[in-house]
Amino acid sequence: MKSVLWFVAGIAAGFVVAHQVNQTTEGRRFFASIDAKAKAFGQAIAEGYHERDAELRAAAGPGAADGGASAER
């Protein structure tokens, strides 16, 4: 239980420090840079996922997109 308390205290301290840093112009630039990099990373992951999904669907052939339901008719 003591380690959970320290963990929560660390998170709270991190939020306080981040809030104080964000009050400065340099801090805002720093967080804007991190935000832009995180968005770019997320977008790259999503694009890769969609490309791979399209490849797998193309390799599976027709009827695979609906779980094979059209092949049973």
PDB file of N, CA and C in Angstrom:
ATOM      1  N   MET A   1       0.822  -1.190   0.000  1.00  0.00           N
ATOM      2  CA  MET A   1       0.000   0.000   0.000  1.00  0.00           C
ATOM      3  C   MET A   1       0.871   1.261   0.000  1.00  0.00           C
ATOM      4  N   LYS A   2       2.021   1.158   0.637  1.00  0.00           N
ATOM      5  CA  LYS A   2       2.905   2.316   0.709  1.00  0.00           C
ATOM      6  C   LYS A   2       3.443   2.677  -0.679  1.00  0.00           C
ATOM      7  N   SER A   3       3.742   1.654  -1.496  1.00  0.00           N
ATOM      8  CA  SER A   3       4.258   1.954  -2.831  1.00  0.00           C
ATOM      9  C   SER A   3       3.186   2.576  -3.723  1.00  0.00           C
ATOM     10  N   VAL A   4       1.932   2.207  -3.530  1.00  0.00           N
ATOM     11  CA  VAL A   4       0.858   2.826  -4.308  1.00  0.00           C
ATOM     12  C   VAL A   4       0.762   4.307  -3.945  1.00  0.00           C
ATOM     13  N   LEU A   5       0.901   4.604  -2.662  1.00  0.00           N
ATOM     14  CA  LEU A   5       0.854   5.998  -2.216  1.00  0.00           C
ATOM     15  C   LEU A   5       1.992   6.797  -2.851  1.00  0.00           C
ATOM     16  N   TRP A   6       3.188   6.237  -2.876  1.00  0.00           N
ATOM     17  CA  TRP A   6       4.322   6.923  -3.502  1.00  0.00           C
ATOM     18  C   TRP A   6       4.104   7.094  -5.005  1.00  0.00           C
ATOM     19  N   PHE A   7       3.514   6.086  -5.622  1.00  0.00           N
ATOM     20  CA  PHE A   7       3.232   6.153  -7.059  1.00  0.00           C
ATOM     21  C   PHE A   7       2.267   7.306  -7.358  1.00  0.00           C
ATOM     22  N   VAL A   8       1.185   7.373  -6.599  1.00  0.00           N
ATOM     23  CA  VAL A   8       0.196   8.438  -6.782  1.00  0.00           C
ATOM     24  C   VAL A   8       0.814   9.803  -6.477  1.00  0.00           C
ATOM     25  N   ALA A   9       1.648   9.865  -5.443  1.00  0.00           N
ATOM     26  CA  ALA A   9       2.313  11.127  -5.104  1.00  0.00           C
ATOM     27  C   ALA A   9       3.247  11.561  -6.247  1.00  0.00           C
ATOM     28  N   GLY A  10       3.920  10.614  -6.870  1.00  0.00           N
ATOM     29  CA  GLY A  10       4.801  10.922  -8.003  1.00  0.00           C
ATOM     30  C   GLY A  10       4.038  11.439  -9.201  1.00  0.00           C
ATOM     31  N   ILE A  11       2.889  10.829  -9.460  1.00  0.00           N
ATOM     32  CA  ILE A  11       2.056  11.293 -10.571  1.00  0.00           C
ATOM     33  C   ILE A  11       1.566  12.714 -10.302  1.00  0.00           C
ATOM     34  N   ALA A  12       1.110  12.956  -9.083  1.00  0.00           N
ATOM     35  CA  ALA A  12       0.627  14.296  -8.727  1.00  0.00           C
ATOM     36  C   ALA A  12       1.745  15.322  -8.844  1.00  0.00           C
ATOM     37  N   ALA A  13       2.933  14.980  -8.370  1.00  0.00           N
ATOM     38  CA  ALA A  13       4.074  15.906  -8.470  1.00  0.00           C
ATOM     39  C   ALA A  13       4.422  16.174  -9.935  1.00  0.00           C
ATOM     40  N   GLY A  14       4.328  15.144 -10.766  1.00  0.00           N
ATOM     41  CA  GLY A  14       4.608  15.314 -12.192  1.00  0.00           C
ATOM     42  C   GLY A  14       3.631  16.267 -12.850  1.00  0.00           C
ATOM     43  N   PHE A  15       2.359  16.156 -12.487  1.00  0.00           N
ATOM     44  CA  PHE A  15       1.361  17.077 -13.031  1.00  0.00           C
ATOM     45  C   PHE A  15       1.619  18.510 -12.584  1.00  0.00           C
ATOM     46  N   VAL A  16       2.002  18.678 -11.324  1.00  0.00           N
ATOM     47  CA  VAL A  16       2.278  20.026 -10.812  1.00  0.00           C
ATOM     48  C   VAL A  16       3.465  20.634 -11.554  1.00  0.00           C
ATOM     49  N   VAL A  17       4.524  19.864 -11.716  1.00  0.00           N
ATOM     50  CA  VAL A  17       5.716  20.355 -12.412  1.00  0.00           C
ATOM     51  C   VAL A  17       5.382  20.676 -13.873  1.00  0.00           C
ATOM     52  N   ALA A  18       4.633  19.780 -14.527  1.00  0.00           N
ATOM     53  CA  ALA A  18       4.270  20.020 -15.928  1.00  0.00           C
ATOM     54  C   ALA A  18       3.431  21.289 -16.054  1.00  0.00           C
ATOM     55  N   HIS A  19       2.544  21.513 -15.113  1.00  0.00           N
ATOM     56  CA  HIS A  19       1.721  22.717 -15.142  1.00  0.00           C
ATOM     57  C   HIS A  19       2.591  23.968 -14.986  1.00  0.00           C
ATOM     58  N   GLN A  20       3.550  23.916 -14.093  1.00  0.00           N
ATOM     59  CA  GLN A  20       4.441  25.059 -13.876  1.00  0.00           C
ATOM     60  C   GLN A  20       5.311  25.317 -15.110  1.00  0.00           C
ATOM     61  N   VAL A  21       5.814  24.258 -15.733  1.00  0.00           N
ATOM     62  CA  VAL A  21       6.645  24.402 -16.929  1.00  0.00           C
ATOM     63  C   VAL A  21       5.809  24.975 -18.072  1.00  0.00           C
ATOM     64  N   ASN A  22       4.557  24.558 -18.169  1.00  0.00           N
ATOM     65  CA  ASN A  22       3.679  25.022 -19.241  1.00  0.00           C
ATOM     66  C   ASN A  22       3.339  26.505 -19.106  1.00  0.00           C
ATOM     67  N   GLN A  23       3.605  27.107 -17.986  1.00  0.00           N
ATOM     68  CA  GLN A  23       3.340  28.536 -17.786  1.00  0.00           C
ATOM     69  C   GLN A  23       4.354  29.412 -18.522  1.00  0.00           C
ATOM     70  N   THR A  24       5.499  28.843 -18.888  1.00  0.00           N
ATOM     71  CA  THR A  24       6.540  29.619 -19.566  1.00  0.00           C
ATOM     72  C   THR A  24       6.430  29.448 -21.082  1.00  0.00           C
ATOM     73  N   THR A  25       6.999  30.379 -21.806  1.00  0.00           N
ATOM     74  CA  THR A  25       6.988  30.309 -23.268  1.00  0.00           C
ATOM     75  C   THR A  25       7.783  29.107 -23.759  1.00  0.00           C
ATOM     76  N   GLU A  26       8.947  28.891 -23.160  1.00  0.00           N
ATOM     77  CA  GLU A  26       9.760  27.729 -23.532  1.00  0.00           C
ATOM     78  C   GLU A  26       9.034  26.433 -23.243  1.00  0.00           C
ATOM     79  N   GLY A  27       8.345  26.392 -22.114  1.00  0.00           N
ATOM     80  CA  GLY A  27       7.591  25.198 -21.735  1.00  0.00           C
ATOM     81  C   GLY A  27       6.479  24.895 -22.720  1.00  0.00           C
ATOM     82  N   ARG A  28       5.791  25.929 -23.165  1.00  0.00           N
ATOM     83  CA  ARG A  28       4.721  25.729 -24.154  1.00  0.00           C
ATOM     84  C   ARG A  28       5.291  25.194 -25.460  1.00  0.00           C
ATOM     85  N   ARG A  29       6.451  25.753 -25.870  1.00  0.00           N
ATOM     86  CA  ARG A  29       7.092  25.247 -27.089  1.00  0.00           C
ATOM     87  C   ARG A  29       7.507  23.792 -26.932  1.00  0.00           C
ATOM     88  N   PHE A  30       8.036  23.467 -25.753  1.00  0.00           N
ATOM     89  CA  PHE A  30       8.461  22.096 -25.469  1.00  0.00           C
ATOM     90  C   PHE A  30       7.277  21.136 -25.574  1.00  0.00           C
ATOM     91  N   PHE A  31       6.161  21.466 -24.926  1.00  0.00           N
ATOM     92  CA  PHE A  31       4.998  20.584 -24.953  1.00  0.00           C
ATOM     93  C   PHE A  31       4.352  20.544 -26.336  1.00  0.00           C
ATOM     94  N   ALA A  32       4.401  21.648 -27.074  1.00  0.00           N
ATOM     95  CA  ALA A  32       3.883  21.652 -28.447  1.00  0.00           C
ATOM     96  C   ALA A  32       4.717  20.727 -29.330  1.00  0.00           C
ATOM     97  N   SER A  33       6.030  20.722 -29.124  1.00  0.00           N
ATOM     98  CA  SER A  33       6.914  19.841 -29.878  1.00  0.00           C
ATOM     99  C   SER A  33       6.620  18.375 -29.563  1.00  0.00           C
ATOM    100  N   ILE A  34       6.449  18.072 -28.292  1.00  0.00           N
ATOM    101  CA  ILE A  34       6.133  16.695 -27.895  1.00  0.00           C
ATOM    102  C   ILE A  34       4.778  16.278 -28.472  1.00  0.00           C
ATOM    103  N   ASP A  35       3.806  17.180 -28.434  1.00  0.00           N
ATOM    104  CA  ASP A  35       2.485  16.881 -28.966  1.00  0.00           C
ATOM    105  C   ASP A  35       2.551  16.592 -30.465  1.00  0.00           C
ATOM    106  N   ALA A  36       3.304  17.393 -31.205  1.00  0.00           N
ATOM    107  CA  ALA A  36       3.428  17.190 -32.651  1.00  0.00           C
ATOM    108  C   ALA A  36       4.091  15.846 -32.959  1.00  0.00           C
ATOM    109  N   LYS A  37       5.129  15.505 -32.200  1.00  0.00           N
ATOM    110  CA  LYS A  37       5.812  14.226 -32.422  1.00  0.00           C
ATOM    111  C   LYS A  37       4.912  13.051 -32.080  1.00  0.00           C
ATOM    112  N   ALA A  38       4.128  13.166 -31.016  1.00  0.00           N
ATOM    113  CA  ALA A  38       3.210  12.086 -30.631  1.00  0.00           C
ATOM    114  C   ALA A  38       2.117  11.904 -31.687  1.00  0.00           C
ATOM    115  N   LYS A  39       1.605  13.010 -32.224  1.00  0.00           N
ATOM    116  CA  LYS A  39       0.582  12.921 -33.271  1.00  0.00           C
ATOM    117  C   LYS A  39       1.160  12.284 -34.533  1.00  0.00           C
ATOM    118  N   ALA A  40       2.374  12.661 -34.906  1.00  0.00           N
ATOM    119  CA  ALA A  40       3.011  12.087 -36.093  1.00  0.00           C
ATOM    120  C   ALA A  40       3.240  10.590 -35.902  1.00  0.00           C
ATOM    121  N   PHE A  41       3.663  10.200 -34.716  1.00  0.00           N
ATOM    122  CA  PHE A  41       3.888   8.786 -34.421  1.00  0.00           C
ATOM    123  C   PHE A  41       2.566   8.012 -34.508  1.00  0.00           C
ATOM    124  N   GLY A  42       1.522   8.550 -33.920  1.00  0.00           N
ATOM    125  CA  GLY A  42       0.220   7.898 -33.959  1.00  0.00           C
ATOM    126  C   GLY A  42      -0.314   7.771 -35.375  1.00  0.00           C
ATOM    127  N   GLN A  43      -0.099   8.802 -36.165  1.00  0.00           N
ATOM    128  CA  GLN A  43      -0.546   8.777 -37.557  1.00  0.00           C
ATOM    129  C   GLN A  43       0.233   7.718 -38.344  1.00  0.00           C
ATOM    130  N   ALA A  44       1.534   7.604 -38.101  1.00  0.00           N
ATOM    131  CA  ALA A  44       2.340   6.590 -38.789  1.00  0.00           C
ATOM    132  C   ALA A  44       1.881   5.186 -38.417  1.00  0.00           C
ATOM    133  N   ILE A  45       1.549   4.980 -37.148  1.00  0.00           N
ATOM    134  CA  ILE A  45       1.054   3.674 -36.712  1.00  0.00           C
ATOM    135  C   ILE A  45      -0.272   3.362 -37.403  1.00  0.00           C
ATOM    136  N   ALA A  46      -1.179   4.335 -37.444  1.00  0.00           N
ATOM    137  CA  ALA A  46      -2.487   4.128 -38.068  1.00  0.00           C
ATOM    138  C   ALA A  46      -2.341   3.835 -39.562  1.00  0.00           C
ATOM    139  N   GLU A  47      -1.471   4.581 -40.244  1.00  0.00           N
ATOM    140  CA  GLU A  47      -1.259   4.348 -41.674  1.00  0.00           C
ATOM    141  C   GLU A  47      -0.700   2.951 -41.922  1.00  0.00           C
ATOM    142  N   GLY A  48       0.264   2.546 -41.120  1.00  0.00           N
ATOM    143  CA  GLY A  48       0.833   1.200 -41.248  1.00  0.00           C
ATOM    144  C   GLY A  48      -0.206   0.122 -41.011  1.00  0.00           C
ATOM    145  N   TYR A  49      -1.051   0.340 -40.018  1.00  0.00           N
ATOM    146  CA  TYR A  49      -2.117  -0.622 -39.724  1.00  0.00           C
ATOM    147  C   TYR A  49      -3.061  -0.750 -40.911  1.00  0.00           C
ATOM    148  N   HIS A  50      -3.493   0.391 -41.457  1.00  0.00           N
ATOM    149  CA  HIS A  50      -4.442   0.359 -42.570  1.00  0.00           C
ATOM    150  C   HIS A  50      -3.819  -0.252 -43.823  1.00  0.00           C
ATOM    151  N   GLU A  51      -2.532   0.027 -44.076  1.00  0.00           N
ATOM    152  CA  GLU A  51      -1.859  -0.576 -45.223  1.00  0.00           C
ATOM    153  C   GLU A  51      -1.793  -2.087 -45.072  1.00  0.00           C
ATOM    154  N   ARG A  52      -1.417  -2.546 -43.893  1.00  0.00           N
ATOM    155  CA  ARG A  52      -1.311  -3.995 -43.656  1.00  0.00           C
ATOM    156  C   ARG A  52      -2.686  -4.651 -43.717  1.00  0.00           C
ATOM    157  N   ASP A  53      -3.697  -3.983 -43.207  1.00  0.00           N
ATOM    158  CA  ASP A  53      -5.052  -4.512 -43.258  1.00  0.00           C
ATOM    159  C   ASP A  53      -5.489  -4.682 -44.711  1.00  0.00           C
ATOM    160  N   ALA A  54      -5.193  -3.686 -45.549  1.00  0.00           N
ATOM    161  CA  ALA A  54      -5.548  -3.770 -46.967  1.00  0.00           C
ATOM    162  C   ALA A  54      -4.793  -4.911 -47.651  1.00  0.00           C
ATOM    163  N   GLU A  55      -3.515  -5.087 -47.309  1.00  0.00           N
ATOM    164  CA  GLU A  55      -2.735  -6.189 -47.884  1.00  0.00           C
ATOM    165  C   GLU A  55      -3.326  -7.538 -47.511  1.00  0.00           C
ATOM    166  N   LEU A  56      -3.678  -7.705 -46.252  1.00  0.00           N
ATOM    167  CA  LEU A  56      -4.236  -8.978 -45.800  1.00  0.00           C
ATOM    168  C   LEU A  56      -5.599  -9.251 -46.421  1.00  0.00           C
ATOM    169  N   ARG A  57      -6.414  -8.199 -46.556  1.00  0.00           N
ATOM    170  CA  ARG A  57      -7.725  -8.380 -47.185  1.00  0.00           C
ATOM    171  C   ARG A  57      -7.573  -8.742 -48.665  1.00  0.00           C
ATOM    172  N   ALA A  58      -6.611  -8.117 -49.344  1.00  0.00           N
ATOM    173  CA  ALA A  58      -6.378  -8.426 -50.757  1.00  0.00           C
ATOM    174  C   ALA A  58      -5.869  -9.856 -50.916  1.00  0.00           C
ATOM    175  N   ALA A  59      -5.007 -10.301 -50.003  1.00  0.00           N
ATOM    176  CA  ALA A  59      -4.463 -11.651 -50.079  1.00  0.00           C
ATOM    177  C   ALA A  59      -5.513 -12.701 -49.746  1.00  0.00           C
ATOM    178  N   ALA A  60      -6.479 -12.350 -48.902  1.00  0.00           N
ATOM    179  CA  ALA A  60      -7.507 -13.313 -48.499  1.00  0.00           C
ATOM    180  C   ALA A  60      -8.522 -13.537 -49.611  1.00  0.00           C
ATOM    181  N   GLY A  61      -8.676 -12.580 -50.489  1.00  0.00           N
ATOM    182  CA  GLY A  61      -9.591 -12.745 -51.607  1.00  0.00           C
ATOM    183  C   GLY A  61     -10.986 -12.252 -51.298  1.00  0.00           C
ATOM    184  N   PRO A  62     -11.872 -12.378 -52.290  1.00  0.00           N
ATOM    185  CA  PRO A  62     -13.243 -11.888 -52.119  1.00  0.00           C
ATOM    186  C   PRO A  62     -14.007 -12.721 -51.084  1.00  0.00           C
ATOM    187  N   GLY A  63     -14.891 -12.062 -50.376  1.00  0.00           N
ATOM    188  CA  GLY A  63     -15.689 -12.748 -49.372  1.00  0.00           C
ATOM    189  C   GLY A  63     -15.030 -12.833 -48.015  1.00  0.00           C
ATOM    190  N   ALA A  64     -13.748 -12.528 -47.943  1.00  0.00           N
ATOM    191  CA  ALA A  64     -13.048 -12.616 -46.660  1.00  0.00           C
ATOM    192  C   ALA A  64     -13.359 -11.417 -45.773  1.00  0.00           C
ATOM    193  N   ALA A  65     -13.723 -10.291 -46.379  1.00  0.00           N
ATOM    194  CA  ALA A  65     -13.989  -9.081 -45.605  1.00  0.00           C
ATOM    195  C   ALA A  65     -15.241  -9.216 -44.738  1.00  0.00           C
ATOM    196  N   ASP A  66     -16.191 -10.034 -45.189  1.00  0.00           N
ATOM    197  CA  ASP A  66     -17.415 -10.195 -44.395  1.00  0.00           C
ATOM    198  C   ASP A  66     -17.415 -11.501 -43.606  1.00  0.00           C
ATOM    199  N   GLY A  67     -16.251 -12.051 -43.382  1.00  0.00           N
ATOM    200  CA  GLY A  67     -16.145 -13.269 -42.570  1.00  0.00           C
ATOM    201  C   GLY A  67     -16.535 -14.525 -43.336  1.00  0.00           C
ATOM    202  N   GLY A  68     -16.617 -14.428 -44.647  1.00  0.00           N
ATOM    203  CA  GLY A  68     -16.957 -15.590 -45.454  1.00  0.00           C
ATOM    204  C   GLY A  68     -18.454 -15.813 -45.583  1.00  0.00           C
ATOM    205  N   ALA A  69     -19.256 -14.878 -45.138  1.00  0.00           N
ATOM    206  CA  ALA A  69     -20.710 -15.043 -45.189  1.00  0.00           C
ATOM    207  C   ALA A  69     -21.233 -15.127 -46.599  1.00  0.00           C
ATOM    208  N   SER A  70     -20.627 -14.397 -47.530  1.00  0.00           N
ATOM    209  CA  SER A  70     -21.124 -14.416 -48.912  1.00  0.00           C
ATOM    210  C   SER A  70     -20.785 -15.740 -49.582  1.00  0.00           C
ATOM    211  N   ALA A  71     -19.752 -16.433 -49.151  1.00  0.00           N
ATOM    212  CA  ALA A  71     -19.373 -17.718 -49.742  1.00  0.00           C
ATOM    213  C   ALA A  71     -20.337 -18.816 -49.320  1.00  0.00           C
ATOM    214  N   GLU A  72     -21.064 -18.632 -48.230  1.00  0.00           N
ATOM    215  CA  GLU A  72     -21.974 -19.665 -47.730  1.00  0.00           C
ATOM    216  C   GLU A  72     -23.301 -19.622 -48.430  1.00  0.00           C
ATOM    217  N   ARG A  73     -23.618 -18.564 -49.167  1.00  0.00           N
ATOM    218  CA  ARG A  73     -24.936 -18.403 -49.808  1.00  0.00           C
ATOM    219  C   ARG A  73     -25.052 -19.186 -51.061  1.00  0.00           C
TER     220      ARG A  73
END
